[in-house]
Amino acid sequence: MTYSNNVCFKGMLDVRYQELKIDVSKAAATELLKHNMDLYDVKKVLEEGSTSPRKRKKETVEKWLNKGNKTIEVVVVKVYDEVIKQHKWLLIHCGIFTKK
């Protein structure tokens, strides 16, 4: 489980999706660096991508965006941050895979 205080870049950027701030878990930060992406790329996938065919828990959003023969996948979960007393999105996974 990823907790809302297990965040790498807390407070550095104010990128929002559906009016809620997007924060990044430490594991997802590593994935972003691996794929040379940032939170603005994540926002683009969330806004322009299609809903994944996978079933996810309530308050969890998984979106895919096709780019050529590659698909960018992001997974965010809505959490409540006790420090700022607000809900926010927490990026828990970012990946790229090749379509067959």
Foldseek 3Di string as FASTA:
>chain_A
DFDPVQFDCPPPDQDADPNAGETEHPVAVVVCVVVVHDVVVVNCQVVPFDFDPDDDDPQKGWGWDDDPQKIKIWIWGWDADPVVRGIHIYTDHIDMDGHD
